Amino acid sequence: MADRAALEALVGAAIVRSQPLRGGDLSEVIRVDLEDGRRMVAKAGPRVAAEARMLRAIARAGVPAPAVIAEGGGWLLIEHLDERAASGPGWAALGTALLRLHGTTGAAYGWDEDHGFGPAAIPNAACADWPDFWAARRLLAWPEALPAGIARRVETLAARLDGLIPRHPPAALLHGDLWTGNVLFTPEGAALIDPACYHGDAEVDLAMLELFGTPGPAFRERYGAPAPGWPARRAVYQLWPALVHLRLFGSGYRGLVERCLATLGA
């Protein structure tokens, strides 16, 4: 456990038990039981202060998320929530939560600070229109870190985004990394964890949610059906997390990147 003393100082009590939790690819995540009977989740990493601000932004939007208890000393402490298997009511609850999240809009595309997944930077400075943002701040964020052939194809695609994604969609509040592992299905519904928030096209979250799985039908029943042209936009938006996985986890994800590019004729 990273700096147990700092964590105990933050919670103000001794830790009697700790257990690693899923989601620790890029940071340490543990459940801690304290001598005073409290249970919470602790996360260590260089960006925990930014994550605390994002979780608070999600909560302000009226969307379920673990409450931030404290942050400091390289640790983030959040509320522990009981988890349940995904079910029809859980997927419906997630549809309701995302509708509310995406209904909270900002004045510009981006966020007031940059972020990152490990060494993969996530620049968030505002751009005047959405295709410019998606090209400059996502697809072309670090071409030097990609295989040369992939980088050339991504650059070619980025030059024609204007015909593939909307120019001025509502600047919805996005979770930013919305795969099923970042949804906690609870007895009360569904809560969002591990955000990488910014403002942009709501379909970014929907595309990510479909990248590694298929939401239950109750999700779309509650959230709403996709607009015409969804398959092409989905591929544009799935390309970014595919590139992130290629950079972080290696060549095993090259096929995913190439499938996205092939779908788009790039």
Protein backbone atom coordinates (compact mmCIF):
# COMPACT_ATOMS: atom_id res chain seq x y z
CA MET A 1 0.00 0.00 0.00
CA ALA A 2 1.38 3.40 -1.01
CA ASP A 3 2.12 5.56 2.07
CA ARG A 4 -0.21 3.96 4.63
CA ALA A 5 0.70 6.62 7.20
CA ALA A 6 -0.50 9.42 4.92
CA LEU A 7 -3.76 7.59 4.33
CA GLU A 8 -4.37 7.01 8.04
CA ALA A 9 -3.62 10.66 8.73
CA LEU A 10 -6.19 11.66 6.10
CA VAL A 11 -8.95 9.46 7.51
CA GLY A 12 -8.02 10.16 11.14
CA ALA A 13 -8.18 6.51 12.17
CA ALA A 14 -6.17 3.29 11.97
CA ILE A 15 -6.77 0.91 9.07
CA VAL A 16 -7.63 -2.59 10.29
CA ARG A 17 -8.18 -4.19 6.86
CA SER A 18 -7.49 -3.31 3.25
CA GLN A 19 -8.35 -5.06 0.00
CA PRO A 20 -7.27 -4.23 -3.57
CA LEU A 21 -10.14 -3.37 -5.90
CA ARG A 22 -10.46 -3.60 -9.67
CA GLY A 23 -9.47 -0.53 -11.63
CA GLY A 24 -5.85 -0.43 -10.53
CA ASP A 25 -4.18 -0.53 -13.97
CA LEU A 26 -2.98 3.07 -13.69
CA SER A 27 -3.36 3.74 -9.96
CA GLU A 28 -3.72 1.91 -6.66
CA VAL A 29 -7.35 1.42 -5.57
CA ILE A 30 -8.21 -0.26 -2.27
CA ARG A 31 -11.13 -0.73 0.06
CA VAL A 32 -10.22 0.16 3.62
CA ASP A 33 -11.96 -0.76 6.86
CA LEU A 34 -11.18 1.52 9.78
CA GLU A 35 -11.00 0.77 13.49
CA ASP A 36 -14.01 3.04 14.08
CA GLY A 37 -16.18 0.89 11.79
CA ARG A 38 -16.16 3.09 8.69
CA ARG A 39 -15.52 1.64 5.24
CA MET A 40 -14.38 3.68 2.24
CA VAL A 41 -12.45 3.44 -1.00
CA ALA A 42 -8.98 4.96 -1.28
CA LYS A 43 -7.22 5.76 -4.54
CA ALA A 44 -3.60 6.84 -4.91
CA GLY A 45 -2.11 8.61 -7.90
CA PRO A 46 -0.82 11.87 -9.32
CA ARG A 47 -4.24 13.07 -10.54
CA VAL A 48 -6.49 12.33 -7.58
CA ALA A 49 -7.18 16.03 -6.90
CA ALA A 50 -8.48 16.44 -10.46
CA GLU A 51 -10.60 13.32 -10.08
CA ALA A 52 -12.12 14.71 -6.88
CA ARG A 53 -13.15 17.86 -8.76
CA MET A 54 -14.71 15.77 -11.51
CA LEU A 55 -16.67 13.59 -9.11
CA ARG A 56 -18.02 16.74 -7.47
CA ALA A 57 -19.02 18.11 -10.90
CA ILE A 58 -20.93 14.89 -11.63
CA ALA A 59 -22.67 15.08 -8.25
CA ARG A 60 -23.61 18.74 -8.84
CA ALA A 61 -25.31 17.62 -12.04
CA GLY A 62 -27.54 15.39 -9.90
CA VAL A 63 -25.96 12.17 -11.15
CA PRO A 64 -25.11 9.32 -8.75
CA ALA A 65 -21.39 9.07 -7.95
CA PRO A 66 -19.44 8.17 -4.80
CA ALA A 67 -19.21 11.14 -2.46
CA VAL A 68 -15.74 12.65 -2.06
CA ILE A 69 -14.76 12.31 1.61
CA ALA A 70 -11.26 13.78 1.53
CA GLU A 71 -8.26 14.33 -0.73
CA GLY A 72 -4.64 14.95 0.22
CA GLY A 73 -1.22 13.37 0.58
CA GLY A 74 -1.57 11.71 -2.80
CA TRP A 75 -4.79 9.93 -1.78
CA LEU A 76 -8.45 10.34 -2.72
CA LEU A 77 -11.04 8.98 -0.29
CA ILE A 78 -14.52 8.30 -1.58
CA GLU A 79 -17.70 6.70 -0.36
CA HIS A 80 -17.87 2.91 -0.57
CA LEU A 81 -20.93 1.71 -2.48
CA ASP A 82 -22.32 -1.82 -2.47
CA GLU A 83 -22.15 -3.32 -5.96
CA ARG A 84 -24.65 -5.57 -7.72
CA ALA A 85 -24.61 -7.40 -11.05
CA ALA A 86 -25.93 -5.46 -14.03
CA SER A 87 -29.67 -5.91 -14.59
CA GLY A 88 -32.51 -4.37 -16.55
CA PRO A 89 -33.32 -1.84 -13.81
CA GLY A 90 -29.63 -1.04 -13.45
CA TRP A 91 -29.24 -0.33 -17.17
CA ALA A 92 -32.39 1.80 -17.08
CA ALA A 93 -30.95 3.75 -14.14
CA LEU A 94 -27.75 4.34 -16.10
CA GLY A 95 -29.80 5.67 -19.02
CA THR A 96 -31.52 8.11 -16.70
CA ALA A 97 -28.22 9.15 -15.12
CA LEU A 98 -26.55 9.82 -18.47
CA LEU A 99 -29.50 11.83 -19.73
CA ARG A 100 -29.12 14.05 -16.69
CA LEU A 101 -25.33 14.26 -17.03
CA HIS A 102 -25.48 15.15 -20.72
CA GLY A 103 -28.23 17.68 -20.07
CA THR A 104 -25.69 19.68 -18.04
CA THR A 105 -23.86 21.80 -20.59
CA GLY A 106 -20.83 24.07 -20.59
CA ALA A 107 -19.91 27.24 -22.44
CA ALA A 108 -17.17 25.60 -24.52
CA TYR A 109 -15.74 22.25 -25.54
CA GLY A 110 -13.04 21.03 -23.15
CA TRP A 111 -12.30 21.41 -19.46
CA ASP A 112 -10.54 23.95 -17.27
CA GLU A 113 -7.50 21.70 -16.78
CA ASP A 114 -5.70 18.99 -18.73
CA HIS A 115 -5.86 15.39 -17.62
CA GLY A 116 -4.30 12.06 -18.59
CA PHE A 117 -4.36 8.30 -18.49
CA GLY A 118 -0.91 7.48 -17.19
CA PRO A 119 1.55 8.79 -19.82
CA ALA A 120 -1.25 9.41 -22.34
CA ALA A 121 -1.98 13.12 -22.03
CA ILE A 122 -5.54 14.41 -22.39
CA PRO A 123 -5.30 18.07 -23.44
CA ASN A 124 -8.53 19.96 -22.73
CA ALA A 125 -7.99 23.56 -23.88
CA ALA A 126 -11.11 24.93 -25.56
CA CYS A 127 -11.59 25.00 -29.32
CA ALA A 128 -14.09 27.07 -31.30
CA ASP A 129 -15.86 24.07 -32.80
CA TRP A 130 -16.20 20.38 -32.06
CA PRO A 131 -14.36 18.84 -35.05
CA ASP A 132 -11.36 21.06 -34.27
CA PHE A 133 -11.43 19.93 -30.65
CA TRP A 134 -11.71 16.23 -31.52
CA ALA A 135 -8.88 16.49 -34.02
CA ALA A 136 -6.43 18.63 -32.05
CA ARG A 137 -7.16 17.56 -28.47
CA ARG A 138 -7.88 13.87 -29.03
CA LEU A 139 -6.88 12.19 -32.29
CA LEU A 140 -3.71 14.29 -32.76
CA ALA A 141 -2.83 14.68 -29.08
CA TRP A 142 0.40 12.64 -29.39
CA PRO A 143 1.02 11.33 -32.94
CA GLU A 144 4.70 10.81 -32.11
CA ALA A 145 3.69 8.03 -29.69
CA LEU A 146 1.85 6.03 -32.36
CA PRO A 147 3.20 3.64 -35.00
CA ALA A 148 4.06 5.75 -38.05
CA GLY A 149 1.51 4.10 -40.36
CA ILE A 150 -1.29 4.51 -37.83
CA ALA A 151 -0.32 8.13 -37.18
CA ARG A 152 -0.53 8.96 -40.90
CA ARG A 153 -3.98 7.40 -41.23
CA VAL A 154 -5.24 9.20 -38.13
CA GLU A 155 -3.90 12.52 -39.44
CA THR A 156 -5.71 11.97 -42.76
CA LEU A 157 -8.95 11.19 -40.92
CA ALA A 158 -8.58 14.22 -38.65
CA ALA A 159 -8.46 16.50 -41.71
CA ARG A 160 -11.97 15.43 -42.76
CA LEU A 161 -13.80 15.26 -39.45
CA ASP A 162 -16.00 18.18 -40.44
CA GLY A 163 -18.06 15.86 -42.60
CA LEU A 164 -18.28 13.08 -40.03
CA ILE A 165 -19.22 14.67 -36.69
CA PRO A 166 -21.39 17.71 -35.88
CA ARG A 167 -19.77 21.12 -35.87
CA HIS A 168 -21.61 22.60 -32.89
CA PRO A 169 -23.32 19.94 -30.77
CA PRO A 170 -24.35 20.92 -27.22
CA ALA A 171 -21.28 20.96 -24.96
CA ALA A 172 -22.57 18.17 -22.72
CA LEU A 173 -20.85 17.23 -19.48
CA LEU A 174 -19.11 13.94 -20.29
CA HIS A 175 -17.86 11.20 -18.03
CA GLY A 176 -15.01 10.84 -20.51
CA ASP A 177 -14.07 7.18 -19.88
CA LEU A 178 -17.44 5.48 -19.78
CA TRP A 179 -16.95 1.74 -20.12
CA THR A 180 -18.89 -0.71 -17.98
CA GLY A 181 -15.98 -1.04 -15.55
CA ASN A 182 -16.53 2.59 -14.59
CA VAL A 183 -20.21 2.05 -13.75
CA LEU A 184 -21.17 0.70 -10.33
CA PHE A 185 -24.56 -0.98 -10.40
CA THR A 186 -25.89 -0.61 -6.88
CA PRO A 187 -29.10 -1.52 -5.03
CA GLU A 188 -30.22 2.06 -5.72
CA GLY A 189 -29.37 2.13 -9.43
CA ALA A 190 -26.10 3.04 -11.16
CA ALA A 191 -23.23 5.30 -10.08
CA LEU A 192 -20.33 6.67 -12.13
CA ILE A 193 -16.70 6.26 -11.02
CA ASP A 194 -13.21 7.03 -12.39
CA PRO A 195 -14.22 10.02 -14.53
CA ALA A 196 -12.12 11.92 -17.06
CA CYS A 197 -14.61 14.74 -17.46
CA TYR A 198 -14.85 17.44 -20.11
CA HIS A 199 -17.58 19.05 -22.23
CA GLY A 200 -18.32 17.74 -25.71
CA ASP A 201 -20.69 15.71 -27.87
CA ALA A 202 -22.77 13.40 -25.67
CA GLU A 203 -22.25 10.59 -28.18
CA VAL A 204 -18.62 10.29 -27.02
CA ASP A 205 -19.81 8.57 -23.83
CA LEU A 206 -22.28 6.41 -25.74
CA ALA A 207 -19.60 5.23 -28.16
CA MET A 208 -17.21 4.35 -25.34
CA LEU A 209 -19.96 2.43 -23.55
CA GLU A 210 -20.33 0.22 -26.65
CA LEU A 211 -16.60 -0.27 -27.28
CA PHE A 212 -16.02 -3.27 -25.01
CA GLY A 213 -19.57 -4.48 -24.50
CA THR A 214 -23.25 -3.95 -25.21
CA PRO A 215 -25.50 -2.04 -22.80
CA GLY A 216 -28.72 -3.80 -21.88
CA PRO A 217 -31.77 -2.80 -23.96
CA ALA A 218 -33.26 -0.95 -21.00
CA PHE A 219 -30.43 1.58 -21.34
CA ARG A 220 -31.50 2.79 -24.79
CA GLU A 221 -35.16 2.58 -23.82
CA ARG A 222 -34.46 5.14 -21.11
CA TYR A 223 -31.75 7.23 -22.80
CA GLY A 224 -33.20 7.25 -26.31
CA ALA A 225 -32.33 5.82 -29.71
CA PRO A 226 -29.25 7.02 -31.61
CA ALA A 227 -29.65 9.66 -34.31
CA PRO A 228 -29.18 8.74 -38.00
CA GLY A 229 -25.54 8.24 -38.98
CA TRP A 230 -24.58 6.77 -35.61
CA PRO A 231 -22.29 3.93 -36.85
CA ALA A 232 -19.83 6.37 -38.49
CA ARG A 233 -19.83 8.76 -35.54
CA ARG A 234 -19.40 5.84 -33.15
CA ALA A 235 -16.26 4.74 -35.01
CA VAL A 236 -14.82 8.28 -34.88
CA TYR A 237 -15.39 8.46 -31.14
CA GLN A 238 -14.23 4.90 -30.43
CA LEU A 239 -10.96 5.57 -32.24
CA TRP A 240 -9.72 7.80 -29.39
CA PRO A 241 -9.97 5.20 -26.58
CA ALA A 242 -8.60 2.60 -29.01
CA LEU A 243 -5.54 4.82 -29.54
CA VAL A 244 -5.18 5.27 -25.78
CA HIS A 245 -5.24 1.49 -25.27
CA LEU A 246 -2.70 1.02 -28.04
CA ARG A 247 -0.36 3.48 -26.37
CA LEU A 248 -0.81 2.19 -22.84
CA PHE A 249 -1.09 -1.55 -23.36
CA GLY A 250 0.66 -2.25 -26.64
CA SER A 251 0.19 -3.92 -29.99
CA GLY A 252 -2.65 -6.15 -28.85
CA TYR A 253 -4.93 -3.15 -29.44
CA ARG A 254 -3.63 -2.32 -32.92
CA GLY A 255 -6.38 -4.43 -34.49
CA LEU A 256 -9.04 -2.39 -32.66
CA VAL A 257 -7.51 0.84 -33.96
CA GLU A 258 -7.35 -0.49 -37.50
CA ARG A 259 -10.96 -1.67 -37.39
CA CYS A 260 -12.09 1.82 -36.42
CA LEU A 261 -10.03 3.36 -39.20
CA ALA A 262 -11.27 0.84 -41.78
CA THR A 263 -14.89 1.55 -40.83
CA LEU A 264 -14.20 5.21 -41.62
CA GLY A 265 -12.35 4.50 -44.85
CA ALA A 266 -9.11 5.85 -43.43
